[in-house]
């Protein structure tokens, strides 16, 4: 940490949802960096409940969010995180949380983005008319209520979602209101995915933050800039049975965020025949 270019720097974090609690200890301990919250409306870049659609990918949005905080505070160093929920890329039948964390340093022109893909998520929803209490209670147990908050909105037609619900009486009342305002008389009950009311997501943000600080603590062998780490992979891991190249990663590529330097590391082992285009065409 003594040689960290970020030691003593106070970066701004664009968040409305308490993400400083996941990221601040990591930055202080590993990089000697302080953190202050930038008072910006990050919901203007998109909401999970759909009132504001996100324009562009989560990776693009996390950099825009960091720059937004820098513009508001005048800080030369900005951080942000952004999440995306959907099918797990390796197991599409499972939901996944993909968390991105970015640092933008205007002093050096450095932009570093790290991410984590996690199956640890309560991302789920159910549609109900609210009268079947057993369905409602089973869903609430599934998503970790009341430790995790939930959202209620009409299942069909317009209507603002009610967010951050953590009392059963409030959930039931919101279901009645949403059902009354829905074209089909039904409501959608979902996990609230905002970080400050979703401890599971906050843990995944912290894991992405750990990757970011580890990378920022690693200097490029060529130019000594911080941020050297994984930037890609090359397929072709040979099949264990026949040696045919498979789609699995055979080489991991590390790169610098400040210069063109790249290095390659071979992946140990062989591919399972189930991934082989010859053994399992």
C-alpha atoms as a PDB file:
ATOM      1  CA  UNK A   1       0.000   0.000   0.000  1.00  0.00           C
ATOM      2  CA  UNK A   2       2.883   2.403   0.715  1.00  0.00           C
ATOM      3  CA  UNK A   3       3.688   2.666  -2.989  1.00  0.00           C
ATOM      4  CA  UNK A   4       0.070   2.946  -4.132  1.00  0.00           C
ATOM      5  CA  UNK A   5      -0.603   5.888  -6.478  1.00  0.00           C
ATOM      6  CA  UNK A   6      -4.005   6.143  -4.808  1.00  0.00           C
ATOM      7  CA  UNK A   7      -2.725   6.546  -1.239  1.00  0.00           C
ATOM      8  CA  UNK A   8      -4.302   9.647   0.307  1.00  0.00           C
ATOM      9  CA  UNK A   9      -6.648  10.170  -2.650  1.00  0.00           C
ATOM     10  CA  UNK A  10     -10.318  10.699  -1.815  1.00  0.00           C
ATOM     11  CA  UNK A  11     -12.427   9.345  -4.661  1.00  0.00           C
ATOM     12  CA  UNK A  12     -16.111  10.018  -5.210  1.00  0.00           C
ATOM     13  CA  UNK A  13     -18.625   7.185  -5.389  1.00  0.00           C
ATOM     14  CA  UNK A  14     -21.823   7.776  -7.331  1.00  0.00           C
ATOM     15  CA  UNK A  15     -24.525   5.937  -5.397  1.00  0.00           C
ATOM     16  CA  UNK A  16     -27.941   6.431  -3.847  1.00  0.00           C
ATOM     17  CA  UNK A  17     -28.007   2.966  -2.333  1.00  0.00           C
ATOM     18  CA  UNK A  18     -25.297   2.649   0.309  1.00  0.00           C
ATOM     19  CA  UNK A  19     -22.636   0.948  -1.796  1.00  0.00           C
ATOM     20  CA  UNK A  20     -19.927   2.782   0.131  1.00  0.00           C
ATOM     21  CA  UNK A  21     -20.380   0.230   2.918  1.00  0.00           C
ATOM     22  CA  UNK A  22     -19.241  -2.550   0.579  1.00  0.00           C
ATOM     23  CA  UNK A  23     -16.400  -0.651  -1.116  1.00  0.00           C
ATOM     24  CA  UNK A  24     -14.907   1.834   1.363  1.00  0.00           C
ATOM     25  CA  UNK A  25     -13.136  -0.711   3.638  1.00  0.00           C
ATOM     26  CA  UNK A  26     -11.549  -2.462   0.637  1.00  0.00           C
ATOM     27  CA  UNK A  27     -10.204   0.759  -0.855  1.00  0.00           C
ATOM     28  CA  UNK A  28      -8.800   2.002   2.447  1.00  0.00           C
ATOM     29  CA  UNK A  29      -7.176  -1.287   3.430  1.00  0.00           C
ATOM     30  CA  UNK A  30      -5.647  -2.236   0.073  1.00  0.00           C
ATOM     31  CA  UNK A  31      -4.968   1.112  -1.632  1.00  0.00           C
ATOM     32  CA  UNK A  32      -4.971   3.710   1.148  1.00  0.00           C
ATOM     33  CA  UNK A  33      -7.786   5.497  -0.707  1.00  0.00           C
ATOM     34  CA  UNK A  34     -10.614   7.418   0.908  1.00  0.00           C
ATOM     35  CA  UNK A  35     -14.166   7.564  -0.394  1.00  0.00           C
ATOM     36  CA  UNK A  36     -16.953  10.110  -0.303  1.00  0.00           C
ATOM     37  CA  UNK A  37     -20.454   9.740  -1.676  1.00  0.00           C
ATOM     38  CA  UNK A  38     -21.397  11.878  -4.667  1.00  0.00           C
ATOM     39  CA  UNK A  39     -24.941  13.181  -4.288  1.00  0.00           C
ATOM     40  CA  UNK A  40     -26.258  12.300  -7.740  1.00  0.00           C
ATOM     41  CA  UNK A  41     -29.461  10.761  -9.073  1.00  0.00           C
ATOM     42  CA  UNK A  42     -28.069   7.450 -10.314  1.00  0.00           C
ATOM     43  CA  UNK A  43     -31.627   6.270 -11.057  1.00  0.00           C
ATOM     44  CA  UNK A  44     -31.517   8.628 -14.048  1.00  0.00           C
ATOM     45  CA  UNK A  45     -29.256   6.026 -15.709  1.00  0.00           C
ATOM     46  CA  UNK A  46     -31.789   3.212 -15.272  1.00  0.00           C
ATOM     47  CA  UNK A  47     -33.857   1.378 -12.664  1.00  0.00           C
ATOM     48  CA  UNK A  48     -34.393  -2.334 -12.082  1.00  0.00           C
ATOM     49  CA  UNK A  49     -38.154  -1.809 -11.958  1.00  0.00           C
ATOM     50  CA  UNK A  50     -38.218  -0.320 -15.437  1.00  0.00           C
ATOM     51  CA  UNK A  51     -39.485   3.239 -14.904  1.00  0.00           C
ATOM     52  CA  UNK A  52     -36.197   4.455 -16.400  1.00  0.00           C
ATOM     53  CA  UNK A  53     -34.714   2.071 -18.998  1.00  0.00           C
ATOM     54  CA  UNK A  54     -30.956   1.687 -18.996  1.00  0.00           C
ATOM     55  CA  UNK A  55     -29.335   2.874 -22.213  1.00  0.00           C
ATOM     56  CA  UNK A  56     -26.378   0.707 -23.175  1.00  0.00           C
ATOM     57  CA  UNK A  57     -24.772  -2.192 -21.343  1.00  0.00           C
ATOM     58  CA  UNK A  58     -24.076  -2.428 -17.621  1.00  0.00           C
ATOM     59  CA  UNK A  59     -20.351  -2.139 -18.381  1.00  0.00           C
ATOM     60  CA  UNK A  60     -20.893   1.108 -20.298  1.00  0.00           C
ATOM     61  CA  UNK A  61     -23.270   2.450 -17.655  1.00  0.00           C
ATOM     62  CA  UNK A  62     -20.878   1.888 -14.738  1.00  0.00           C
ATOM     63  CA  UNK A  63     -18.270   4.134 -16.403  1.00  0.00           C
ATOM     64  CA  UNK A  64     -20.883   6.797 -17.169  1.00  0.00           C
ATOM     65  CA  UNK A  65     -22.026   6.645 -13.559  1.00  0.00           C
ATOM     66  CA  UNK A  66     -18.474   7.150 -12.247  1.00  0.00           C
ATOM     67  CA  UNK A  67     -18.002  10.122 -14.588  1.00  0.00           C
ATOM     68  CA  UNK A  68     -21.333  11.587 -13.457  1.00  0.00           C
ATOM     69  CA  UNK A  69     -20.124  11.590  -9.858  1.00  0.00           C
ATOM     70  CA  UNK A  70     -16.849  13.226 -10.908  1.00  0.00           C
ATOM     71  CA  UNK A  71     -18.723  15.963 -12.799  1.00  0.00           C
ATOM     72  CA  UNK A  72     -20.926  16.771  -9.805  1.00  0.00           C
ATOM     73  CA  UNK A  73     -18.158  16.765  -7.183  1.00  0.00           C
ATOM     74  CA  UNK A  74     -15.177  17.963  -9.224  1.00  0.00           C
ATOM     75  CA  UNK A  75     -13.207  14.965  -8.008  1.00  0.00           C
ATOM     76  CA  UNK A  76     -10.497  13.705 -10.410  1.00  0.00           C
ATOM     77  CA  UNK A  77     -11.119  10.089  -9.345  1.00  0.00           C
ATOM     78  CA  UNK A  78     -14.523   8.447  -9.485  1.00  0.00           C
ATOM     79  CA  UNK A  79     -15.997   5.040  -8.687  1.00  0.00           C
ATOM     80  CA  UNK A  80     -19.306   3.375  -9.390  1.00  0.00           C
ATOM     81  CA  UNK A  81     -20.969  -0.015  -9.495  1.00  0.00           C
ATOM     82  CA  UNK A  82     -23.714  -1.366 -11.719  1.00  0.00           C
ATOM     83  CA  UNK A  83     -25.562  -4.663 -11.663  1.00  0.00           C
ATOM     84  CA  UNK A  84     -27.355  -6.777 -14.248  1.00  0.00           C
ATOM     85  CA  UNK A  85     -29.654  -9.737 -13.546  1.00  0.00           C
ATOM     86  CA  UNK A  86     -30.643 -12.585 -15.820  1.00  0.00           C
ATOM     87  CA  UNK A  87     -29.800 -16.198 -16.723  1.00  0.00           C
ATOM     88  CA  UNK A  88     -26.386 -17.443 -15.594  1.00  0.00           C
ATOM     89  CA  UNK A  89     -24.069 -17.557 -18.653  1.00  0.00           C
ATOM     90  CA  UNK A  90     -22.799 -21.028 -17.730  1.00  0.00           C
ATOM     91  CA  UNK A  91     -26.139 -22.423 -16.495  1.00  0.00           C
ATOM     92  CA  UNK A  92     -29.067 -20.609 -18.156  1.00  0.00           C
ATOM     93  CA  UNK A  93     -31.646 -22.314 -15.925  1.00  0.00           C
ATOM     94  CA  UNK A  94     -30.191 -20.439 -12.922  1.00  0.00           C
ATOM     95  CA  UNK A  95     -30.544 -16.706 -12.205  1.00  0.00           C
ATOM     96  CA  UNK A  96     -27.331 -14.716 -11.893  1.00  0.00           C
ATOM     97  CA  UNK A  97     -26.150 -11.350 -10.657  1.00  0.00           C
ATOM     98  CA  UNK A  98     -23.369  -9.725 -12.704  1.00  0.00           C
ATOM     99  CA  UNK A  99     -21.785  -6.832 -10.823  1.00  0.00           C
ATOM    100  CA  UNK A 100     -19.437  -4.300 -12.421  1.00  0.00           C
ATOM    101  CA  UNK A 101     -17.236  -1.902 -10.446  1.00  0.00           C
ATOM    102  CA  UNK A 102     -15.296   0.855 -12.224  1.00  0.00           C
ATOM    103  CA  UNK A 103     -12.616   3.369 -11.324  1.00  0.00           C
ATOM    104  CA  UNK A 104     -11.997   6.381 -13.572  1.00  0.00           C
ATOM    105  CA  UNK A 105      -8.871   8.487 -12.915  1.00  0.00           C
ATOM    106  CA  UNK A 106      -8.827  11.760 -14.861  1.00  0.00           C
ATOM    107  CA  UNK A 107      -5.292  12.491 -13.658  1.00  0.00           C
ATOM    108  CA  UNK A 108      -3.806   9.664 -15.700  1.00  0.00           C
ATOM    109  CA  UNK A 109      -6.619   8.827 -18.123  1.00  0.00           C
ATOM    110  CA  UNK A 110      -6.952   5.424 -16.453  1.00  0.00           C
ATOM    111  CA  UNK A 111     -10.267   3.528 -16.594  1.00  0.00           C
ATOM    112  CA  UNK A 112     -10.445   0.087 -14.990  1.00  0.00           C
ATOM    113  CA  UNK A 113     -13.583  -2.071 -14.868  1.00  0.00           C
ATOM    114  CA  UNK A 114     -13.851  -5.378 -13.013  1.00  0.00           C
ATOM    115  CA  UNK A 115     -16.814  -7.724 -12.693  1.00  0.00           C
ATOM    116  CA  UNK A 116     -18.126 -10.796 -10.897  1.00  0.00           C
ATOM    117  CA  UNK A 117     -20.737 -13.274 -12.100  1.00  0.00           C
ATOM    118  CA  UNK A 118     -22.543 -14.843  -9.146  1.00  0.00           C
ATOM    119  CA  UNK A 119     -25.327 -17.379  -8.719  1.00  0.00           C
ATOM    120  CA  UNK A 120     -25.809 -15.936  -5.231  1.00  0.00           C
ATOM    121  CA  UNK A 121     -28.928 -13.858  -5.864  1.00  0.00           C
ATOM    122  CA  UNK A 122     -32.584 -13.728  -4.836  1.00  0.00           C
ATOM    123  CA  UNK A 123     -33.605 -12.301  -8.218  1.00  0.00           C
ATOM    124  CA  UNK A 124     -37.157 -13.657  -8.637  1.00  0.00           C
ATOM    125  CA  UNK A 125     -40.787 -12.603  -9.011  1.00  0.00           C
ATOM    126  CA  UNK A 126     -44.278 -14.052  -8.821  1.00  0.00           C
ATOM    127  CA  UNK A 127     -47.638 -12.857 -10.180  1.00  0.00           C
ATOM    128  CA  UNK A 128     -50.603 -13.170  -7.857  1.00  0.00           C
ATOM    129  CA  UNK A 129     -54.023 -11.753  -7.131  1.00  0.00           C
ATOM    130  CA  UNK A 130     -52.939 -11.491  -3.498  1.00  0.00           C
ATOM    131  CA  UNK A 131     -55.754 -13.676  -2.162  1.00  0.00           C
ATOM    132  CA  UNK A 132     -53.647 -16.830  -1.917  1.00  0.00           C
ATOM    133  CA  UNK A 133     -51.704 -16.008   1.238  1.00  0.00           C
ATOM    134  CA  UNK A 134     -49.694 -19.251   0.997  1.00  0.00           C
ATOM    135  CA  UNK A 135     -48.242 -18.225  -2.385  1.00  0.00           C
ATOM    136  CA  UNK A 136     -47.270 -14.824  -1.051  1.00  0.00           C
ATOM    137  CA  UNK A 137     -45.683 -16.176   2.124  1.00  0.00           C
ATOM    138  CA  UNK A 138     -43.763 -18.882   0.237  1.00  0.00           C
ATOM    139  CA  UNK A 139     -42.304 -16.282  -2.124  1.00  0.00           C
ATOM    140  CA  UNK A 140     -41.335 -13.964   0.731  1.00  0.00           C
ATOM    141  CA  UNK A 141     -39.477 -16.815   2.441  1.00  0.00           C
ATOM    142  CA  UNK A 142     -37.745 -17.647  -0.841  1.00  0.00           C
ATOM    143  CA  UNK A 143     -36.311 -14.131  -1.288  1.00  0.00           C
ATOM    144  CA  UNK A 144     -35.224 -13.699   2.336  1.00  0.00           C
ATOM    145  CA  UNK A 145     -37.952 -11.294   3.469  1.00  0.00           C
ATOM    146  CA  UNK A 146     -37.878  -9.176   5.635  1.00  0.00           C
ATOM    147  CA  UNK A 147     -34.061  -9.048   5.695  1.00  0.00           C
ATOM    148  CA  UNK A 148     -34.386  -8.401   1.968  1.00  0.00           C
ATOM    149  CA  UNK A 149     -37.036  -5.932   0.799  1.00  0.00           C
ATOM    150  CA  UNK A 150     -39.566  -6.557  -1.957  1.00  0.00           C
ATOM    151  CA  UNK A 151     -41.284  -4.560  -4.697  1.00  0.00           C
ATOM    152  CA  UNK A 152     -44.968  -4.659  -5.716  1.00  0.00           C
ATOM    153  CA  UNK A 153     -46.398  -3.325  -8.993  1.00  0.00           C
ATOM    154  CA  UNK A 154     -49.454  -3.962 -11.220  1.00  0.00           C
ATOM    155  CA  UNK A 155     -49.027  -7.049 -13.373  1.00  0.00           C
ATOM    156  CA  UNK A 156     -50.690  -5.448 -16.405  1.00  0.00           C
ATOM    157  CA  UNK A 157     -50.935  -1.819 -17.430  1.00  0.00           C
ATOM    158  CA  UNK A 158     -49.298   1.294 -16.003  1.00  0.00           C
ATOM    159  CA  UNK A 159     -48.667   1.890 -12.343  1.00  0.00           C
ATOM    160  CA  UNK A 160     -45.745   2.969 -10.208  1.00  0.00           C
ATOM    161  CA  UNK A 161     -43.994   0.220  -8.227  1.00  0.00           C
ATOM    162  CA  UNK A 162     -43.958   0.334  -4.442  1.00  0.00           C
ATOM    163  CA  UNK A 163     -40.386  -0.365  -3.352  1.00  0.00           C
ATOM    164  CA  UNK A 164     -38.503  -1.176  -0.178  1.00  0.00           C
ATOM    165  CA  UNK A 165     -41.340  -3.114   1.487  1.00  0.00           C
ATOM    166  CA  UNK A 166     -40.193  -4.951   4.631  1.00  0.00           C
ATOM    167  CA  UNK A 167     -43.388  -5.458   6.651  1.00  0.00           C
ATOM    168  CA  UNK A 168     -45.957  -8.087   5.760  1.00  0.00           C
ATOM    169  CA  UNK A 169     -48.853  -5.708   6.374  1.00  0.00           C
ATOM    170  CA  UNK A 170     -47.340  -3.267   3.849  1.00  0.00           C
ATOM    171  CA  UNK A 171     -46.791  -6.012   1.272  1.00  0.00           C
ATOM    172  CA  UNK A 172     -50.396  -7.209   1.511  1.00  0.00           C
ATOM    173  CA  UNK A 173     -51.745  -3.663   1.258  1.00  0.00           C
ATOM    174  CA  UNK A 174     -49.517  -2.945  -1.748  1.00  0.00           C
ATOM    175  CA  UNK A 175     -50.725  -6.144  -3.454  1.00  0.00           C
ATOM    176  CA  UNK A 176     -54.338  -5.011  -3.032  1.00  0.00           C
ATOM    177  CA  UNK A 177     -53.579  -1.572  -4.475  1.00  0.00           C
ATOM    178  CA  UNK A 178     -51.543  -2.952  -7.374  1.00  0.00           C
ATOM    179  CA  UNK A 179     -54.210  -5.548  -8.186  1.00  0.00           C
ATOM    180  CA  UNK A 180     -56.898  -2.870  -8.196  1.00  0.00           C
ATOM    181  CA  UNK A 181     -54.798  -0.804 -10.614  1.00  0.00           C
ATOM    182  CA  UNK A 182     -53.941  -3.705 -12.918  1.00  0.00           C
ATOM    183  CA  UNK A 183     -55.869  -4.517 -16.080  1.00  0.00           C
ATOM    184  CA  UNK A 184     -56.111  -8.177 -15.041  1.00  0.00           C
ATOM    185  CA  UNK A 185     -56.565  -7.640 -11.294  1.00  0.00           C
ATOM    186  CA  UNK A 186     -53.181  -9.174 -10.527  1.00  0.00           C
ATOM    187  CA  UNK A 187     -49.944  -7.848  -9.062  1.00  0.00           C
ATOM    188  CA  UNK A 188     -46.279  -8.699  -9.468  1.00  0.00           C
ATOM    189  CA  UNK A 189     -44.303  -9.320  -6.288  1.00  0.00           C
ATOM    190  CA  UNK A 190     -40.522  -9.250  -6.754  1.00  0.00           C
ATOM    191  CA  UNK A 191     -37.282  -9.041  -4.834  1.00  0.00           C
ATOM    192  CA  UNK A 192     -36.059  -5.463  -4.479  1.00  0.00           C
ATOM    193  CA  UNK A 193     -32.646  -5.553  -6.158  1.00  0.00           C
ATOM    194  CA  UNK A 194     -31.367  -2.181  -4.936  1.00  0.00           C
ATOM    195  CA  UNK A 195     -28.185  -2.709  -2.948  1.00  0.00           C
ATOM    196  CA  UNK A 196     -29.170  -0.975   0.298  1.00  0.00           C
ATOM    197  CA  UNK A 197     -32.178  -3.295   0.780  1.00  0.00           C
ATOM    198  CA  UNK A 198     -30.602  -6.441  -0.660  1.00  0.00           C
ATOM    199  CA  UNK A 199     -27.719  -7.776   1.477  1.00  0.00           C
ATOM    200  CA  UNK A 200     -27.111 -10.654  -0.945  1.00  0.00           C
ATOM    201  CA  UNK A 201     -26.402  -8.232  -3.771  1.00  0.00           C
ATOM    202  CA  UNK A 202     -24.214  -6.100  -1.498  1.00  0.00           C
ATOM    203  CA  UNK A 203     -21.961  -9.130  -0.934  1.00  0.00           C
ATOM    204  CA  UNK A 204     -21.534  -9.587  -4.682  1.00  0.00           C
ATOM    205  CA  UNK A 205     -20.667  -5.892  -5.065  1.00  0.00           C
ATOM    206  CA  UNK A 206     -17.996  -6.368  -2.400  1.00  0.00           C
ATOM    207  CA  UNK A 207     -16.598  -9.360  -4.325  1.00  0.00           C
ATOM    208  CA  UNK A 208     -16.367  -7.240  -7.489  1.00  0.00           C
ATOM    209  CA  UNK A 209     -14.726  -4.506  -5.434  1.00  0.00           C
ATOM    210  CA  UNK A 210     -12.123  -6.971  -4.197  1.00  0.00           C
ATOM    211  CA  UNK A 211     -11.227  -7.796  -7.796  1.00  0.00           C
ATOM    212  CA  UNK A 212     -10.961  -4.112  -8.638  1.00  0.00           C
ATOM    213  CA  UNK A 213      -8.641  -3.213  -5.767  1.00  0.00           C
ATOM    214  CA  UNK A 214      -6.485  -6.282  -6.415  1.00  0.00           C
ATOM    215  CA  UNK A 215      -6.075  -5.151 -10.002  1.00  0.00           C
ATOM    216  CA  UNK A 216      -5.409  -1.523  -9.051  1.00  0.00           C
ATOM    217  CA  UNK A 217      -2.708  -2.748  -6.681  1.00  0.00           C
ATOM    218  CA  UNK A 218      -0.964  -4.570  -9.561  1.00  0.00           C
ATOM    219  CA  UNK A 219       1.459  -2.530 -11.684  1.00  0.00           C
ATOM    220  CA  UNK A 220       2.037  -3.176 -15.363  1.00  0.00           C
ATOM    221  CA  UNK A 221       5.420  -4.892 -15.962  1.00  0.00           C
ATOM    222  CA  UNK A 222       6.008  -2.655 -18.991  1.00  0.00           C
ATOM    223  CA  UNK A 223       4.949   0.850 -17.924  1.00  0.00           C
ATOM    224  CA  UNK A 224       4.326   0.491 -14.145  1.00  0.00           C
ATOM    225  CA  UNK A 225       0.786   1.914 -14.442  1.00  0.00           C
ATOM    226  CA  UNK A 226      -1.731   0.452 -11.964  1.00  0.00           C
ATOM    227  CA  UNK A 227      -4.506  -1.783 -13.228  1.00  0.00           C
ATOM    228  CA  UNK A 228      -2.696  -4.736 -14.771  1.00  0.00           C
ATOM    229  CA  UNK A 229      -4.877  -7.848 -14.861  1.00  0.00           C
ATOM    230  CA  UNK A 230      -7.225 -10.117 -16.826  1.00  0.00           C
ATOM    231  CA  UNK A 231      -8.511  -8.654 -20.093  1.00  0.00           C
ATOM    232  CA  UNK A 232      -9.566 -11.733 -22.046  1.00  0.00           C
ATOM    233  CA  UNK A 233      -9.078 -15.368 -22.919  1.00  0.00           C
ATOM    234  CA  UNK A 234      -8.396 -17.555 -25.939  1.00  0.00           C
ATOM    235  CA  UNK A 235     -10.208 -20.839 -26.535  1.00  0.00           C
ATOM    236  CA  UNK A 236      -8.827 -24.164 -27.646  1.00  0.00           C
ATOM    237  CA  UNK A 237      -8.267 -26.221 -24.479  1.00  0.00           C
ATOM    238  CA  UNK A 238      -7.536 -29.739 -25.821  1.00  0.00           C
ATOM    239  CA  UNK A 239      -9.929 -32.603 -25.157  1.00  0.00           C
ATOM    240  CA  UNK A 240      -8.817 -35.028 -22.457  1.00  0.00           C
ATOM    241  CA  UNK A 241      -9.625 -38.044 -24.655  1.00  0.00           C
ATOM    242  CA  UNK A 242      -8.728 -37.098 -28.220  1.00  0.00           C
ATOM    243  CA  UNK A 243      -6.755 -33.855 -28.011  1.00  0.00           C
ATOM    244  CA  UNK A 244      -9.117 -31.890 -30.276  1.00  0.00           C
ATOM    245  CA  UNK A 245      -9.272 -28.167 -29.407  1.00  0.00           C
ATOM    246  CA  UNK A 246     -12.475 -27.338 -27.528  1.00  0.00           C
ATOM    247  CA  UNK A 247     -14.248 -23.980 -27.061  1.00  0.00           C
ATOM    248  CA  UNK A 248     -13.004 -23.816 -23.444  1.00  0.00           C
ATOM    249  CA  UNK A 249     -10.309 -21.305 -22.485  1.00  0.00           C
ATOM    250  CA  UNK A 250      -6.770 -22.523 -23.173  1.00  0.00           C
ATOM    251  CA  UNK A 251      -5.004 -19.214 -22.532  1.00  0.00           C
ATOM    252  CA  UNK A 252      -5.741 -16.346 -20.154  1.00  0.00           C
ATOM    253  CA  UNK A 253      -4.699 -12.881 -21.313  1.00  0.00           C
ATOM    254  CA  UNK A 254      -3.542 -10.189 -18.878  1.00  0.00           C
ATOM    255  CA  UNK A 255      -3.243  -6.602 -20.001  1.00  0.00           C
ATOM    256  CA  UNK A 256      -2.492  -3.053 -18.975  1.00  0.00           C
ATOM    257  CA  UNK A 257      -5.172  -0.384 -18.719  1.00  0.00           C
ATOM    258  CA  UNK A 258      -2.651   2.298 -19.710  1.00  0.00           C
ATOM    259  CA  UNK A 259      -0.514   0.771 -22.478  1.00  0.00           C
ATOM    260  CA  UNK A 260      -0.781  -1.999 -25.123  1.00  0.00           C
ATOM    261  CA  UNK A 261       1.277  -4.558 -23.155  1.00  0.00           C
ATOM    262  CA  UNK A 262      -0.270  -8.051 -22.961  1.00  0.00           C
ATOM    263  CA  UNK A 263       0.894 -11.357 -21.487  1.00  0.00           C
ATOM    264  CA  UNK A 264      -0.567 -14.842 -21.820  1.00  0.00           C
ATOM    265  CA  UNK A 265      -0.912 -17.646 -19.276  1.00  0.00           C
ATOM    266  CA  UNK A 266      -1.779 -21.228 -20.301  1.00  0.00           C
ATOM    267  CA  UNK A 267      -4.674 -22.929 -18.539  1.00  0.00           C
ATOM    268  CA  UNK A 268      -3.687 -26.156 -16.805  1.00  0.00           C
ATOM    269  CA  UNK A 269      -5.519 -29.410 -17.494  1.00  0.00           C
ATOM    270  CA  UNK A 270      -7.633 -30.763 -20.316  1.00  0.00           C
ATOM    271  CA  UNK A 271     -11.242 -30.298 -21.408  1.00  0.00           C
ATOM    272  CA  UNK A 272     -13.960 -32.787 -20.528  1.00  0.00           C
ATOM    273  CA  UNK A 273     -15.038 -34.785 -23.629  1.00  0.00           C
ATOM    274  CA  UNK A 274     -18.526 -33.362 -23.168  1.00  0.00           C
ATOM    275  CA  UNK A 275     -17.144 -30.013 -24.392  1.00  0.00           C
ATOM    276  CA  UNK A 276     -15.291 -31.532 -27.333  1.00  0.00           C
ATOM    277  CA  UNK A 277     -16.697 -30.916 -30.852  1.00  0.00           C
ATOM    278  CA  UNK A 278     -15.351 -34.301 -31.967  1.00  0.00           C
ATOM    279  CA  UNK A 279     -16.317 -36.516 -29.000  1.00  0.00           C
ATOM    280  CA  UNK A 280     -19.636 -34.743 -28.465  1.00  0.00           C
ATOM    281  CA  UNK A 281     -20.585 -33.243 -31.856  1.00  0.00           C
END
